[in-house]
PDB file of N, CA and C in Angstrom:
ATOM      1  N   UNK A   1      -2.329  -9.680  -5.440  1.00  0.00           N
ATOM      2  CA  UNK A   1      -1.699  -8.974  -4.960  1.00  0.00           C
ATOM      3  C   UNK A   1      -1.292  -8.898  -3.755  1.00  0.00           C
ATOM      4  N   UNK A   2      -0.069  -7.838  -3.481  1.00  0.00           N
ATOM      5  CA  UNK A   2       0.487  -8.338  -2.464  1.00  0.00           C
ATOM      6  C   UNK A   2       0.218  -7.657  -1.044  1.00  0.00           C
ATOM      7  N   UNK A   3      -0.188  -6.213  -1.453  1.00  0.00           N
ATOM      8  CA  UNK A   3       0.401  -5.186   0.244  1.00  0.00           C
ATOM      9  C   UNK A   3      -0.721  -4.349   0.390  1.00  0.00           C
ATOM     10  N   UNK A   4      -0.164  -4.338   1.463  1.00  0.00           N
ATOM     11  CA  UNK A   4      -1.748  -2.882   2.017  1.00  0.00           C
ATOM     12  C   UNK A   4      -0.972  -1.490   2.601  1.00  0.00           C
ATOM     13  N   UNK A   5      -0.179  -1.202   1.806  1.00  0.00           N
ATOM     14  CA  UNK A   5       0.745  -0.177   2.097  1.00  0.00           C
ATOM     15  C   UNK A   5       0.086   0.955   2.200  1.00  0.00           C
ATOM     16  N   UNK A   6       0.406   2.205   3.114  1.00  0.00           N
ATOM     17  CA  UNK A   6      -1.007   3.621   2.753  1.00  0.00           C
ATOM     18  C   UNK A   6      -0.215   4.344   2.136  1.00  0.00           C
ATOM     19  N   UNK A   7      -0.344   5.615   1.852  1.00  0.00           N
ATOM     20  CA  UNK A   7       0.199   6.384   0.982  1.00  0.00           C
ATOM     21  C   UNK A   7       1.588   6.938   1.672  1.00  0.00           C
ATOM     22  N   UNK A   8       1.499   7.198   2.708  1.00  0.00           N
ATOM     23  CA  UNK A   8       2.598   7.601   3.332  1.00  0.00           C
ATOM     24  C   UNK A   8       4.177   6.427   3.279  1.00  0.00           C
ATOM     25  N   UNK A   9       3.527   5.552   2.974  1.00  0.00           N
ATOM     26  CA  UNK A   9       4.374   4.762   3.186  1.00  0.00           C
ATOM     27  C   UNK A   9       5.066   4.518   1.589  1.00  0.00           C
ATOM     28  N   UNK A  10       4.280   4.688   0.902  1.00  0.00           N
ATOM     29  CA  UNK A  10       4.623   4.608  -0.240  1.00  0.00           C
ATOM     30  C   UNK A  10       5.664   5.889  -1.029  1.00  0.00           C
ATOM     31  N   UNK A  11       4.901   6.689  -0.747  1.00  0.00           N
ATOM     32  CA  UNK A  11       6.049   8.180  -0.672  1.00  0.00           C
ATOM     33  C   UNK A  11       7.136   8.209  -0.282  1.00  0.00           C
ATOM     34  N   UNK A  12       7.316   7.196   0.839  1.00  0.00           N
ATOM     35  CA  UNK A  12       8.759   7.247   1.810  1.00  0.00           C
ATOM     36  C   UNK A  12       9.429   6.140   1.025  1.00  0.00           C
ATOM     37  N   UNK A  13       9.272   5.560   0.018  1.00  0.00           N
ATOM     38  CA  UNK A  13      10.144   4.227  -0.861  1.00  0.00           C
ATOM     39  C   UNK A  13      11.298   4.950  -2.018  1.00  0.00           C
ATOM     40  N   UNK A  14      12.302   4.962  -1.212  1.00  0.00           N
ATOM     41  CA  UNK A  14      13.185   5.436  -2.150  1.00  0.00           C
ATOM     42  C   UNK A  14      13.719   4.796  -3.689  1.00  0.00           C
ATOM     43  N   UNK A  15      14.442   5.484  -4.362  1.00  0.00           N
ATOM     44  CA  UNK A  15      14.229   4.707  -5.906  1.00  0.00           C
ATOM     45  C   UNK A  15      12.967   4.698  -6.527  1.00  0.00           C
ATOM     46  N   UNK A  16      13.078   3.643  -7.900  1.00  0.00           N
ATOM     47  CA  UNK A  16      11.763   3.944  -8.106  1.00  0.00           C
ATOM     48  C   UNK A  16      11.106   2.034  -8.300  1.00  0.00           C
ATOM     49  N   UNK A  17      10.038   2.741  -8.289  1.00  0.00           N
ATOM     50  CA  UNK A  17       8.602   1.880  -7.664  1.00  0.00           C
ATOM     51  C   UNK A  17       7.528   1.777  -8.701  1.00  0.00           C
ATOM     52  N   UNK A  18       7.386   0.896  -9.066  1.00  0.00           N
ATOM     53  CA  UNK A  18       6.027   0.341  -9.921  1.00  0.00           C
ATOM     54  C   UNK A  18       4.643   0.109  -8.884  1.00  0.00           C
ATOM     55  N   UNK A  19       3.264   1.422  -9.008  1.00  0.00           N
ATOM     56  CA  UNK A  19       2.485   0.427  -8.228  1.00  0.00           C
ATOM     57  C   UNK A  19       1.314   0.217  -9.702  1.00  0.00           C
ATOM     58  N   UNK A  20       1.505  -1.266  -9.029  1.00  0.00           N
ATOM     59  CA  UNK A  20       0.312  -1.831  -9.982  1.00  0.00           C
ATOM     60  C   UNK A  20      -0.939  -2.093  -9.722  1.00  0.00           C
ATOM     61  N   UNK A  21      -2.322  -1.457  -9.770  1.00  0.00           N
ATOM     62  CA  UNK A  21      -3.788  -1.393  -8.990  1.00  0.00           C
ATOM     63  C   UNK A  21      -4.411  -2.226 -10.167  1.00  0.00           C
ATOM     64  N   UNK A  22      -5.328  -3.217  -9.301  1.00  0.00           N
ATOM     65  CA  UNK A  22      -5.789  -4.195 -10.015  1.00  0.00           C
ATOM     66  C   UNK A  22      -6.837  -5.110  -9.145  1.00  0.00           C
ATOM     67  N   UNK A  23      -7.430  -5.992 -10.094  1.00  0.00           N
ATOM     68  CA  UNK A  23      -8.019  -7.232  -9.397  1.00  0.00           C
ATOM     69  C   UNK A  23      -7.828  -8.794  -9.568  1.00  0.00           C
ATOM     70  N   UNK A  24      -7.679  -9.444  -8.817  1.00  0.00           N
ATOM     71  CA  UNK A  24      -7.560 -10.836  -9.304  1.00  0.00           C
ATOM     72  C   UNK A  24      -8.397 -11.203 -10.183  1.00  0.00           C
ATOM     73  N   UNK A  25      -9.777 -10.864  -9.990  1.00  0.00           N
ATOM     74  CA  UNK A  25     -10.504 -11.562 -10.921  1.00  0.00           C
ATOM     75  C   UNK A  25     -10.876 -10.491 -12.179  1.00  0.00           C
ATOM     76  N   UNK A  26     -10.010  -9.537 -12.297  1.00  0.00           N
ATOM     77  CA  UNK A  26     -10.260  -8.795 -13.201  1.00  0.00           C
ATOM     78  C   UNK A  26      -9.830  -9.023 -14.440  1.00  0.00           C
ATOM     79  N   UNK A  27     -10.814  -8.987 -15.726  1.00  0.00           N
ATOM     80  CA  UNK A  27      -9.982  -9.889 -17.255  1.00  0.00           C
ATOM     81  C   UNK A  27      -9.179  -8.927 -18.011  1.00  0.00           C
ATOM     82  N   UNK A  28      -9.342  -7.422 -17.762  1.00  0.00           N
ATOM     83  CA  UNK A  28      -8.203  -6.836 -18.263  1.00  0.00           C
ATOM     84  C   UNK A  28      -6.682  -6.607 -17.506  1.00  0.00           C
ATOM     85  N   UNK A  29      -6.750  -7.105 -16.121  1.00  0.00           N
ATOM     86  CA  UNK A  29      -5.450  -7.589 -15.393  1.00  0.00           C
ATOM     87  C   UNK A  29      -5.056  -8.332 -15.771  1.00  0.00           C
ATOM     88  N   UNK A  30      -5.811  -9.610 -16.141  1.00  0.00           N
ATOM     89  CA  UNK A  30      -5.265 -10.669 -16.258  1.00  0.00           C
ATOM     90  C   UNK A  30      -4.668 -11.221 -17.729  1.00  0.00           C
ATOM     91  N   UNK A  31      -5.303 -10.081 -18.889  1.00  0.00           N
ATOM     92  CA  UNK A  31      -4.719  -9.660 -20.398  1.00  0.00           C
ATOM     93  C   UNK A  31      -4.005  -9.432 -20.161  1.00  0.00           C
ATOM     94  N   UNK A  32      -3.324  -8.109 -19.238  1.00  0.00           N
ATOM     95  CA  UNK A  32      -2.554  -7.451 -19.050  1.00  0.00           C
ATOM     96  C   UNK A  32      -1.144  -8.330 -18.568  1.00  0.00           C
ATOM     97  N   UNK A  33      -1.218  -9.009 -17.671  1.00  0.00           N
ATOM     98  CA  UNK A  33      -0.589  -9.656 -16.685  1.00  0.00           C
ATOM     99  C   UNK A  33       1.112  -9.867 -17.444  1.00  0.00           C
ATOM    100  N   UNK A  34       0.817 -10.865 -18.817  1.00  0.00           N
ATOM    101  CA  UNK A  34       2.430 -11.415 -19.658  1.00  0.00           C
ATOM    102  C   UNK A  34       3.012 -10.121 -20.066  1.00  0.00           C
ATOM    103  N   UNK A  35       2.159  -9.096 -20.324  1.00  0.00           N
ATOM    104  CA  UNK A  35       2.666  -7.705 -20.654  1.00  0.00           C
ATOM    105  C   UNK A  35       3.457  -7.004 -19.689  1.00  0.00           C
ATOM    106  N   UNK A  36       2.979  -7.228 -18.611  1.00  0.00           N
ATOM    107  CA  UNK A  36       3.454  -6.145 -17.272  1.00  0.00           C
ATOM    108  C   UNK A  36       4.637  -7.376 -16.975  1.00  0.00           C
ATOM    109  N   UNK A  37       4.303  -8.427 -16.900  1.00  0.00           N
ATOM    110  CA  UNK A  37       5.863  -8.987 -16.324  1.00  0.00           C
ATOM    111  C   UNK A  37       7.012  -9.319 -17.570  1.00  0.00           C
ATOM    112  N   UNK A  38       6.412  -8.849 -18.822  1.00  0.00           N
ATOM    113  CA  UNK A  38       7.897  -8.754 -19.664  1.00  0.00           C
ATOM    114  C   UNK A  38       8.313  -7.677 -19.030  1.00  0.00           C
ATOM    115  N   UNK A  39       7.643  -6.544 -18.826  1.00  0.00           N
ATOM    116  CA  UNK A  39       8.346  -5.379 -19.177  1.00  0.00           C
ATOM    117  C   UNK A  39       9.241  -5.568 -17.466  1.00  0.00           C
ATOM    118  N   UNK A  40       8.708  -5.538 -16.455  1.00  0.00           N
ATOM    119  CA  UNK A  40       9.500  -5.711 -15.138  1.00  0.00           C
ATOM    120  C   UNK A  40      10.621  -6.725 -15.254  1.00  0.00           C
ATOM    121  N   UNK A  41      10.687  -7.969 -16.192  1.00  0.00           N
ATOM    122  CA  UNK A  41      12.037  -8.654 -16.297  1.00  0.00           C
ATOM    123  C   UNK A  41      12.781  -7.780 -17.143  1.00  0.00           C
ATOM    124  N   UNK A  42      12.520  -6.749 -17.813  1.00  0.00           N
ATOM    125  CA  UNK A  42      13.615  -6.237 -18.929  1.00  0.00           C
ATOM    126  C   UNK A  42      13.982  -5.065 -17.756  1.00  0.00           C
ATOM    127  N   UNK A  43      13.352  -4.528 -16.530  1.00  0.00           N
ATOM    128  CA  UNK A  43      14.014  -3.922 -15.455  1.00  0.00           C
ATOM    129  C   UNK A  43      15.015  -4.494 -14.498  1.00  0.00           C
ATOM    130  N   UNK A  44      14.998  -5.560 -14.587  1.00  0.00           N
ATOM    131  CA  UNK A  44      15.904  -5.951 -13.339  1.00  0.00           C
ATOM    132  C   UNK A  44      15.559  -5.672 -11.919  1.00  0.00           C
ATOM    133  N   UNK A  45      16.326  -5.408 -11.202  1.00  0.00           N
ATOM    134  CA  UNK A  45      16.389  -5.249  -9.956  1.00  0.00           C
ATOM    135  C   UNK A  45      15.943  -3.656  -9.597  1.00  0.00           C
ATOM    136  N   UNK A  46      16.441  -3.089 -10.855  1.00  0.00           N
ATOM    137  CA  UNK A  46      16.288  -1.363 -10.894  1.00  0.00           C
ATOM    138  C   UNK A  46      14.784  -1.205 -10.786  1.00  0.00           C
ATOM    139  N   UNK A  47      13.848  -1.433 -10.357  1.00  0.00           N
ATOM    140  CA  UNK A  47      12.665  -1.660  -9.655  1.00  0.00           C
ATOM    141  C   UNK A  47      11.815  -2.217  -8.585  1.00  0.00           C
ATOM    142  N   UNK A  48      11.598  -0.968  -8.018  1.00  0.00           N
ATOM    143  CA  UNK A  48      10.531  -2.595  -6.967  1.00  0.00           C
ATOM    144  C   UNK A  48       9.466  -2.300  -7.805  1.00  0.00           C
ATOM    145  N   UNK A  49       8.440  -3.243  -7.271  1.00  0.00           N
ATOM    146  CA  UNK A  49       7.181  -3.252  -7.938  1.00  0.00           C
ATOM    147  C   UNK A  49       6.129  -4.068  -7.006  1.00  0.00           C
ATOM    148  N   UNK A  50       5.100  -3.279  -6.496  1.00  0.00           N
ATOM    149  CA  UNK A  50       3.913  -3.054  -5.334  1.00  0.00           C
ATOM    150  C   UNK A  50       2.491  -3.367  -6.017  1.00  0.00           C
ATOM    151  N   UNK A  51       2.341  -4.218  -6.244  1.00  0.00           N
ATOM    152  CA  UNK A  51       0.861  -4.999  -6.450  1.00  0.00           C
ATOM    153  C   UNK A  51      -0.177  -4.671  -5.553  1.00  0.00           C
ATOM    154  N   UNK A  52      -1.339  -4.057  -5.952  1.00  0.00           N
ATOM    155  CA  UNK A  52      -2.456  -3.433  -5.090  1.00  0.00           C
ATOM    156  C   UNK A  52      -3.632  -3.904  -4.983  1.00  0.00           C
ATOM    157  N   UNK A  53      -3.802  -4.385  -4.783  1.00  0.00           N
ATOM    158  CA  UNK A  53      -5.820  -5.091  -4.754  1.00  0.00           C
ATOM    159  C   UNK A  53      -6.535  -4.032  -4.503  1.00  0.00           C
ATOM    160  N   UNK A  54      -7.229  -3.310  -6.152  1.00  0.00           N
ATOM    161  CA  UNK A  54      -7.981  -2.319  -5.524  1.00  0.00           C
ATOM    162  C   UNK A  54      -9.495  -2.759  -5.534  1.00  0.00           C
ATOM    163  N   UNK A  55     -10.494  -2.344  -5.236  1.00  0.00           N
ATOM    164  CA  UNK A  55     -11.836  -2.037  -5.214  1.00  0.00           C
ATOM    165  C   UNK A  55     -12.383  -1.815  -4.138  1.00  0.00           C
ATOM    166  N   UNK A  56     -13.631  -1.916  -4.068  1.00  0.00           N
ATOM    167  CA  UNK A  56     -14.854  -1.626  -2.960  1.00  0.00           C
ATOM    168  C   UNK A  56     -14.014  -1.627  -1.385  1.00  0.00           C
ATOM    169  N   UNK A  57     -13.932  -0.463  -1.008  1.00  0.00           N
ATOM    170  CA  UNK A  57     -13.604  -0.653   0.632  1.00  0.00           C
ATOM    171  C   UNK A  57     -11.960  -0.361   0.249  1.00  0.00           C
ATOM    172  N   UNK A  58     -11.539  -0.145  -0.665  1.00  0.00           N
ATOM    173  CA  UNK A  58      -9.586  -0.396  -0.756  1.00  0.00           C
ATOM    174  C   UNK A  58     -10.023   1.489  -1.029  1.00  0.00           C
ATOM    175  N   UNK A  59      -9.181   2.834  -0.017  1.00  0.00           N
ATOM    176  CA  UNK A  59      -8.980   3.551  -0.382  1.00  0.00           C
ATOM    177  C   UNK A  59      -8.027   3.944  -0.855  1.00  0.00           C
ATOM    178  N   UNK A  60      -6.683   3.337  -0.268  1.00  0.00           N
ATOM    179  CA  UNK A  60      -5.064   3.861  -1.589  1.00  0.00           C
ATOM    180  C   UNK A  60      -5.891   4.051  -3.302  1.00  0.00           C
ATOM    181  N   UNK A  61      -6.590   2.920  -3.847  1.00  0.00           N
ATOM    182  CA  UNK A  61      -6.783   3.700  -5.214  1.00  0.00           C
ATOM    183  C   UNK A  61      -7.450   4.814  -5.599  1.00  0.00           C
ATOM    184  N   UNK A  62      -8.141   5.289  -4.693  1.00  0.00           N
ATOM    185  CA  UNK A  62      -8.885   6.467  -4.615  1.00  0.00           C
ATOM    186  C   UNK A  62      -8.115   7.723  -4.376  1.00  0.00           C
ATOM    187  N   UNK A  63      -7.205   7.374  -3.898  1.00  0.00           N
ATOM    188  CA  UNK A  63      -6.318   8.369  -3.346  1.00  0.00           C
ATOM    189  C   UNK A  63      -5.472   8.842  -4.714  1.00  0.00           C
ATOM    190  N   UNK A  64      -5.063   7.728  -5.485  1.00  0.00           N
ATOM    191  CA  UNK A  64      -4.268   7.904  -6.736  1.00  0.00           C
ATOM    192  C   UNK A  64      -5.114   7.855  -7.635  1.00  0.00           C
ATOM    193  N   UNK A  65      -6.574   8.256  -7.721  1.00  0.00           N
ATOM    194  CA  UNK A  65      -6.987   8.513  -9.032  1.00  0.00           C
ATOM    195  C   UNK A  65      -7.889   7.226 -10.018  1.00  0.00           C
ATOM    196  N   UNK A  66      -7.330   6.480  -9.282  1.00  0.00           N
ATOM    197  CA  UNK A  66      -7.407   5.388 -10.157  1.00  0.00           C
ATOM    198  C   UNK A  66      -8.966   4.800 -10.396  1.00  0.00           C
ATOM    199  N   UNK A  67      -9.006   4.547 -11.323  1.00  0.00           N
ATOM    200  CA  UNK A  67     -10.220   4.555 -11.884  1.00  0.00           C
ATOM    201  C   UNK A  67     -10.832   2.990 -12.699  1.00  0.00           C
ATOM    202  N   UNK A  68      -9.781   3.014 -13.641  1.00  0.00           N
ATOM    203  CA  UNK A  68      -9.520   1.271 -14.334  1.00  0.00           C
ATOM    204  C   UNK A  68      -8.587   0.549 -13.597  1.00  0.00           C
ATOM    205  N   UNK A  69      -8.767  -0.649 -14.283  1.00  0.00           N
ATOM    206  CA  UNK A  69      -7.875  -1.468 -13.978  1.00  0.00           C
ATOM    207  C   UNK A  69      -7.257  -2.594 -15.456  1.00  0.00           C
ATOM    208  N   UNK A  70      -6.036  -2.828 -15.470  1.00  0.00           N
ATOM    209  CA  UNK A  70      -5.235  -2.083 -14.469  1.00  0.00           C
ATOM    210  C   UNK A  70      -4.705  -0.895 -14.568  1.00  0.00           C
ATOM    211  N   UNK A  71      -3.798   0.080 -13.633  1.00  0.00           N
ATOM    212  CA  UNK A  71      -3.874   1.086 -14.009  1.00  0.00           C
ATOM    213  C   UNK A  71      -1.933   0.971 -12.871  1.00  0.00           C
ATOM    214  N   UNK A  72      -0.820   1.299 -13.854  1.00  0.00           N
ATOM    215  CA  UNK A  72       0.677   1.478 -13.332  1.00  0.00           C
ATOM    216  C   UNK A  72       0.937   2.329 -13.158  1.00  0.00           C
ATOM    217  N   UNK A  73       1.361   2.992 -12.472  1.00  0.00           N
ATOM    218  CA  UNK A  73       2.005   4.614 -11.983  1.00  0.00           C
ATOM    219  C   UNK A  73       3.586   4.098 -11.748  1.00  0.00           C
ATOM    220  N   UNK A  74       4.317   4.807 -12.148  1.00  0.00           N
ATOM    221  CA  UNK A  74       5.308   4.846 -11.863  1.00  0.00           C
ATOM    222  C   UNK A  74       6.175   5.960 -11.035  1.00  0.00           C
ATOM    223  N   UNK A  75       6.978   5.587  -9.804  1.00  0.00           N
ATOM    224  CA  UNK A  75       7.517   6.674  -9.018  1.00  0.00           C
ATOM    225  C   UNK A  75       8.769   6.668  -8.937  1.00  0.00           C
ATOM    226  N   UNK A  76       9.336   7.972  -8.682  1.00  0.00           N
ATOM    227  CA  UNK A  76      10.775   7.892  -8.466  1.00  0.00           C
ATOM    228  C   UNK A  76      10.784   8.770  -7.292  1.00  0.00           C
ATOM    229  N   UNK A  77      11.557   8.092  -6.256  1.00  0.00           N
ATOM    230  CA  UNK A  77      11.757   8.682  -4.902  1.00  0.00           C
ATOM    231  C   UNK A  77       9.859   9.352  -4.385  1.00  0.00           C
ATOM    232  N   UNK A  78       9.144   8.389  -4.389  1.00  0.00           N
ATOM    233  CA  UNK A  78       7.571   8.464  -4.118  1.00  0.00           C
ATOM    234  C   UNK A  78       7.004   9.296  -4.783  1.00  0.00           C
ATOM    235  N   UNK A  79       7.434  10.092  -6.064  1.00  0.00           N
ATOM    236  CA  UNK A  79       6.775  11.114  -6.677  1.00  0.00           C
ATOM    237  C   UNK A  79       6.357  10.323  -8.276  1.00  0.00           C
ATOM    238  N   UNK A  80       5.305  10.750  -8.530  1.00  0.00           N
ATOM    239  CA  UNK A  80       4.753   9.924  -8.988  1.00  0.00           C
ATOM    240  C   UNK A  80       5.127  10.750 -10.780  1.00  0.00           C
ATOM    241  N   UNK A  81       5.671   9.639 -11.366  1.00  0.00           N
ATOM    242  CA  UNK A  81       6.815  10.159 -13.267  1.00  0.00           C
ATOM    243  C   UNK A  81       5.829   9.972 -14.307  1.00  0.00           C
ATOM    244  N   UNK A  82       5.099   8.871 -14.110  1.00  0.00           N
ATOM    245  CA  UNK A  82       4.377   8.468 -15.562  1.00  0.00           C
ATOM    246  C   UNK A  82       3.154   7.246 -15.144  1.00  0.00           C
ATOM    247  N   UNK A  83       1.974   7.189 -15.963  1.00  0.00           N
ATOM    248  CA  UNK A  83       1.148   6.314 -15.789  1.00  0.00           C
ATOM    249  C   UNK A  83       0.598   5.726 -16.464  1.00  0.00           C
ATOM    250  N   UNK A  84       0.168   4.452 -16.856  1.00  0.00           N
ATOM    251  CA  UNK A  84      -0.218   3.875 -18.142  1.00  0.00           C
ATOM    252  C   UNK A  84      -1.833   2.983 -17.530  1.00  0.00           C
ATOM    253  N   UNK A  85      -2.919   3.600 -18.016  1.00  0.00           N
ATOM    254  CA  UNK A  85      -4.225   2.560 -17.777  1.00  0.00           C
ATOM    255  C   UNK A  85      -4.328   1.461 -18.979  1.00  0.00           C
ATOM    256  N   UNK A  86      -4.768   0.344 -18.491  1.00  0.00           N
ATOM    257  CA  UNK A  86      -5.073  -0.636 -19.460  1.00  0.00           C
ATOM    258  C   UNK A  86      -4.282  -0.669 -20.536  1.00  0.00           C
ATOM    259  N   UNK A  87      -2.786  -1.115 -20.140  1.00  0.00           N
ATOM    260  CA  UNK A  87      -1.789  -1.205 -21.041  1.00  0.00           C
ATOM    261  C   UNK A  87      -2.429  -1.916 -22.445  1.00  0.00           C
ATOM    262  N   UNK A  88      -1.843  -1.342 -23.962  1.00  0.00           N
ATOM    263  CA  UNK A  88      -2.411  -2.293 -24.827  1.00  0.00           C
ATOM    264  C   UNK A  88      -1.247  -3.331 -25.397  1.00  0.00           C
ATOM    265  N   UNK A  89      -0.071  -3.646 -24.327  1.00  0.00           N
ATOM    266  CA  UNK A  89       0.879  -4.458 -25.163  1.00  0.00           C
ATOM    267  C   UNK A  89       2.205  -4.053 -23.998  1.00  0.00           C
ATOM    268  N   UNK A  90       3.232  -4.582 -23.942  1.00  0.00           N
ATOM    269  CA  UNK A  90       4.493  -4.290 -23.974  1.00  0.00           C
ATOM    270  C   UNK A  90       4.638  -3.112 -24.154  1.00  0.00           C
ATOM    271  N   UNK A  91       4.789  -2.702 -25.724  1.00  0.00           N
ATOM    272  CA  UNK A  91       5.466  -1.426 -25.875  1.00  0.00           C
ATOM    273  C   UNK A  91       4.326  -0.438 -25.600  1.00  0.00           C
ATOM    274  N   UNK A  92       3.134  -0.443 -25.250  1.00  0.00           N
ATOM    275  CA  UNK A  92       2.638   0.798 -24.871  1.00  0.00           C
ATOM    276  C   UNK A  92       3.339   0.993 -23.327  1.00  0.00           C
ATOM    277  N   UNK A  93       3.719  -0.113 -22.386  1.00  0.00           N
ATOM    278  CA  UNK A  93       4.431   0.006 -20.888  1.00  0.00           C
ATOM    279  C   UNK A  93       5.292   1.074 -21.155  1.00  0.00           C
ATOM    280  N   UNK A  94       6.049   0.304 -22.449  1.00  0.00           N
ATOM    281  CA  UNK A  94       7.403   0.966 -22.662  1.00  0.00           C
ATOM    282  C   UNK A  94       7.377   2.486 -23.080  1.00  0.00           C
ATOM    283  N   UNK A  95       6.658   2.420 -23.951  1.00  0.00           N
ATOM    284  CA  UNK A  95       6.450   3.943 -24.451  1.00  0.00           C
ATOM    285  C   UNK A  95       6.134   5.136 -23.360  1.00  0.00           C
ATOM    286  N   UNK A  96       4.730   4.500 -22.348  1.00  0.00           N
ATOM    287  CA  UNK A  96       4.662   5.554 -21.018  1.00  0.00           C
ATOM    288  C   UNK A  96       5.823   5.709 -20.258  1.00  0.00           C
ATOM    289  N   UNK A  97       6.364   4.869 -20.424  1.00  0.00           N
ATOM    290  CA  UNK A  97       7.685   4.519 -18.771  1.00  0.00           C
ATOM    291  C   UNK A  97       8.808   5.155 -18.967  1.00  0.00           C
ATOM    292  N   UNK A  98       8.928   4.908 -21.083  1.00  0.00           N
ATOM    293  CA  UNK A  98      10.864   5.041 -20.689  1.00  0.00           C
ATOM    294  C   UNK A  98      10.904   6.125 -22.246  1.00  0.00           C
ATOM    295  N   UNK A  99       9.398   6.454 -22.871  1.00  0.00           N
ATOM    296  CA  UNK A  99       9.158   7.001 -23.847  1.00  0.00           C
ATOM    297  C   UNK A  99       9.686   6.617 -25.407  1.00  0.00           C
ATOM    298  N   UNK A 100      10.163   5.506 -25.292  1.00  0.00           N
ATOM    299  CA  UNK A 100      10.622   4.723 -26.837  1.00  0.00           C
ATOM    300  C   UNK A 100       9.662   3.194 -26.948  1.00  0.00           C
TER     301      UNK A 100
END
């Protein structure tokens, strides 16, 4: 996971951003990784990806209402557009974020 941004910093990000909350040791996160990577590859440069290490003592996940991992939140100019919790494959991610 790669960041320690604050919520105001995240809300200030322009364009499309995918927040990925999880933990490196989480089996659900590890299982979802290939599907998340596939969907991200389909997006090309049109999407910023921010991986956030969540867990005990990490406040950002609580601020976004994250309860299960992985939780993916799609933002547009810092505003939540959609989210998917524990995606069941790339089609599940596509459906949540593109409606198809």
